[in-house]
Amino acid sequence: ADGGAKPYPTGRPFAPVDPFDQVKNMQRGVNIIGYDPLWRNFANARFKERHFRKIHDGGFQTVRVNLAGFSHMDADNKLNPAWFTTMDWVIKNSIENNLTVIVDEHDYTVCGNNADTCKPRLLAFWKQVAARYQDAPPGVVFEILNEPNGQLTAELWNAWSKEILALIRETNPTRNVIIGPASWNNIH
């Protein structure tokens, strides 16, 4: 259910980071590879390993990976093992280049248009991703969903985010998690 072998050794203690310190260290960030063909076929990747170093050397401290995970799930909402192999590559190269990496589920259109279709997929996504990366370094941050909107009203999103965070906490009790507000991350 977690995409196969975990990329990080288990049993290694996770060193939590104070969220204020983590945000302070994140400084400048950039969204990456959400729409790169590497998610379907790694051989067709436009984004290359050298780009992680270029991002770092360009003055960035954080990358936010825009993931359309739903399109990589089967009928049982299981993520494709090849998707996890690519995600492992992204996380490994981000961390090796001193970049904080935000794992961002980005299917906000699906969720905003049809909450009933979204919820089981979103829960399944985080159950698998959280289990797989439970031993990843603290430089890996989870973002539950980019810009909740539409059918994800503030009331519904607040209930969902509480439930999804509890699911993440089963395997990642102290990892920092980003939860943006409803109405496209609207401050109100």
Protein backbone atom coordinates (compact mmCIF):
# COMPACT_ATOMS: atom_id res chain seq x y z
CA ALA A 1 0.00 0.00 0.00
CA ASP A 2 2.99 2.34 0.27
CA GLY A 3 4.56 1.95 -3.18
CA GLY A 4 7.19 -0.64 -2.30
CA ALA A 5 10.53 -0.36 -0.54
CA LYS A 6 10.98 2.83 1.42
CA PRO A 7 13.83 5.08 0.24
CA TYR A 8 15.06 5.85 3.77
CA PRO A 9 16.17 3.36 6.41
CA THR A 10 13.65 2.75 9.17
CA GLY A 11 14.63 3.02 12.79
CA ARG A 12 16.54 6.27 12.29
CA PRO A 13 15.18 8.88 14.71
CA PHE A 14 13.34 11.76 13.08
CA ALA A 15 14.58 15.12 14.36
CA PRO A 16 11.59 17.48 14.34
CA VAL A 17 12.12 21.08 13.30
CA ASP A 18 10.33 23.96 14.95
CA PRO A 19 7.85 25.15 12.29
CA PHE A 20 8.91 28.78 12.69
CA ASP A 21 12.55 27.82 12.17
CA GLN A 22 11.63 25.72 9.14
CA VAL A 23 9.69 28.55 7.52
CA LYS A 24 12.56 30.94 8.26
CA ASN A 25 15.00 28.55 6.57
CA MET A 26 12.72 28.01 3.56
CA GLN A 27 13.22 31.63 2.42
CA ARG A 28 12.94 31.76 -1.42
CA GLY A 29 11.14 28.94 -3.17
CA VAL A 30 10.05 27.83 -6.60
CA ASN A 31 7.43 25.40 -7.91
CA ILE A 32 8.89 22.56 -9.97
CA ILE A 33 8.03 19.70 -12.32
CA GLY A 34 4.30 19.45 -11.85
CA TYR A 35 3.68 19.16 -15.56
CA ASP A 36 6.95 17.59 -16.67
CA PRO A 37 6.57 14.39 -18.73
CA LEU A 38 8.92 12.61 -16.29
CA TRP A 39 5.86 11.57 -14.26
CA ARG A 40 4.62 9.44 -17.17
CA ASN A 41 7.99 8.39 -18.59
CA PHE A 42 11.22 9.33 -16.83
CA ALA A 43 13.17 9.02 -20.10
CA ASN A 44 11.20 12.01 -21.45
CA ALA A 45 12.08 14.30 -18.52
CA ARG A 46 12.75 17.95 -19.29
CA PHE A 47 13.85 18.52 -15.69
CA LYS A 48 17.29 17.00 -15.09
CA GLU A 49 19.36 16.25 -12.00
CA ARG A 50 21.59 19.28 -12.66
CA HIS A 51 18.58 21.59 -12.28
CA PHE A 52 18.44 20.99 -8.52
CA ARG A 53 21.96 22.45 -8.16
CA LYS A 54 21.08 25.33 -10.51
CA ILE A 55 18.04 26.15 -8.38
CA HIS A 56 20.16 26.15 -5.23
CA ASP A 57 22.94 28.17 -6.85
CA GLY A 58 20.34 30.61 -8.16
CA GLY A 59 19.54 31.61 -4.59
CA PHE A 60 16.60 29.37 -3.77
CA GLN A 61 16.27 27.35 -0.58
CA THR A 62 13.00 25.51 -1.29
CA VAL A 63 11.33 23.61 -4.08
CA ARG A 64 7.61 22.87 -4.09
CA VAL A 65 6.74 19.82 -6.15
CA ASN A 66 3.29 20.27 -7.72
CA LEU A 67 1.90 16.75 -7.82
CA ALA A 68 -1.13 15.60 -9.75
CA GLY A 69 -1.15 12.32 -7.86
CA PHE A 70 -4.71 11.36 -8.73
CA SER A 71 -3.79 10.74 -12.36
CA HIS A 72 -1.17 8.22 -11.21
CA MET A 73 -3.60 6.11 -9.17
CA ASP A 74 -5.31 2.92 -10.25
CA ALA A 75 -9.00 2.10 -9.71
CA ASP A 76 -8.23 1.25 -6.08
CA ASN A 77 -6.47 4.61 -5.56
CA LYS A 78 -3.06 2.97 -5.33
CA LEU A 79 -0.20 5.13 -6.62
CA ASN A 80 1.89 3.67 -9.41
CA PRO A 81 5.28 2.33 -8.18
CA ALA A 82 7.00 4.23 -11.03
CA TRP A 83 5.51 7.44 -9.61
CA PHE A 84 7.17 6.69 -6.28
CA THR A 85 10.49 5.99 -7.99
CA THR A 86 10.35 9.45 -9.58
CA MET A 87 9.30 11.05 -6.30
CA ASP A 88 12.22 9.33 -4.53
CA TRP A 89 14.54 10.87 -7.14
CA VAL A 90 13.06 14.33 -6.59
CA ILE A 91 13.37 14.16 -2.81
CA LYS A 92 16.89 12.68 -2.87
CA ASN A 93 18.20 15.35 -5.24
CA SER A 94 16.44 18.17 -3.40
CA ILE A 95 17.91 17.15 -0.05
CA GLU A 96 21.39 16.54 -1.53
CA ASN A 97 21.32 20.09 -2.88
CA ASN A 98 20.30 21.62 0.45
CA LEU A 99 16.77 22.39 -0.67
CA THR A 100 13.70 22.02 1.49
CA VAL A 101 11.19 20.06 -0.56
CA ILE A 102 7.45 20.59 -0.22
CA VAL A 103 5.44 17.56 -1.35
CA ASP A 104 2.29 19.34 -2.59
CA GLU A 105 -0.82 17.46 -3.73
CA HIS A 106 -2.01 19.76 -6.46
CA ASP A 107 -5.33 18.27 -7.62
CA TYR A 108 -7.25 21.35 -6.49
CA THR A 109 -9.46 21.44 -9.59
CA VAL A 110 -10.70 17.87 -9.11
CA CYS A 111 -11.31 18.59 -5.42
CA GLY A 112 -12.98 21.94 -5.98
CA ASN A 113 -15.28 20.56 -8.66
CA ASN A 114 -16.23 17.29 -6.96
CA ALA A 115 -15.52 16.86 -3.27
CA ASP A 116 -17.05 13.36 -3.22
CA THR A 117 -14.56 12.16 -5.86
CA CYS A 118 -11.67 13.96 -4.20
CA LYS A 119 -11.87 12.78 -0.61
CA PRO A 120 -11.11 9.06 -1.03
CA ARG A 121 -8.28 9.88 -3.43
CA LEU A 122 -6.79 12.52 -1.15
CA LEU A 123 -6.93 10.18 1.85
CA ALA A 124 -5.36 7.36 -0.18
CA PHE A 125 -2.65 9.66 -1.52
CA TRP A 126 -1.57 10.79 1.94
CA LYS A 127 -1.80 7.35 3.49
CA GLN A 128 0.68 6.06 0.89
CA VAL A 129 2.94 9.11 0.72
CA ALA A 130 3.14 9.59 4.48
CA ALA A 131 4.03 5.92 5.01
CA ARG A 132 6.66 5.96 2.28
CA TYR A 133 8.41 9.09 3.52
CA GLN A 134 8.01 8.66 7.27
CA ASP A 135 11.78 8.34 7.69
CA ALA A 136 12.69 11.08 5.22
CA PRO A 137 14.77 13.98 6.55
CA PRO A 138 12.90 16.89 8.18
CA GLY A 139 13.65 18.95 5.04
CA VAL A 140 10.67 17.13 3.50
CA VAL A 141 7.43 18.99 4.24
CA PHE A 142 3.94 17.85 3.28
CA GLU A 143 1.29 20.21 1.84
CA ILE A 144 -2.10 18.49 2.03
CA LEU A 145 -3.74 20.26 -0.92
CA ASN A 146 -2.96 23.31 -3.01
CA GLU A 147 -5.60 26.04 -2.83
CA PRO A 148 -8.79 24.27 -1.67
CA ASN A 149 -11.74 25.88 -3.44
CA GLY A 150 -15.24 25.40 -4.88
CA GLN A 151 -17.06 22.55 -3.13
CA LEU A 152 -14.33 22.53 -0.48
CA THR A 153 -15.95 25.20 1.65
CA ALA A 154 -14.14 26.41 4.77
CA GLU A 155 -16.34 24.19 6.95
CA LEU A 156 -15.77 21.08 4.84
CA TRP A 157 -12.06 21.76 4.32
CA ASN A 158 -11.49 22.33 8.05
CA ALA A 159 -13.07 18.93 8.80
CA TRP A 160 -11.10 17.18 6.03
CA SER A 161 -7.79 18.75 6.95
CA LYS A 162 -8.22 17.59 10.55
CA GLU A 163 -8.90 14.03 9.34
CA ILE A 164 -6.04 14.00 6.82
CA LEU A 165 -3.60 15.48 9.31
CA ALA A 166 -4.53 12.72 11.80
CA LEU A 167 -3.83 10.14 9.07
CA ILE A 168 -0.42 11.72 8.34
CA ARG A 169 0.35 11.82 12.07
CA GLU A 170 0.01 8.03 12.27
CA THR A 171 3.39 7.71 10.50
CA ASN A 172 4.77 11.26 10.74
CA PRO A 173 3.91 12.44 14.25
CA THR A 174 6.16 15.52 14.19
CA ARG A 175 6.78 16.35 10.51
CA ASN A 176 5.75 19.86 9.55
CA VAL A 177 2.63 19.97 7.38
CA ILE A 178 1.23 22.89 5.40
CA ILE A 179 -2.54 23.34 5.42
CA GLY A 180 -3.75 26.25 3.34
CA PRO A 181 -7.20 27.72 3.99
CA ALA A 182 -10.26 27.36 1.76
CA SER A 183 -11.25 29.81 -0.99
CA TRP A 184 -7.94 29.45 -2.84
CA ASN A 185 -5.84 29.93 0.35
CA ASN A 186 -7.75 33.13 1.09
CA ILE A 187 -6.69 34.86 4.30
CA HIS A 188 -10.35 35.45 5.21
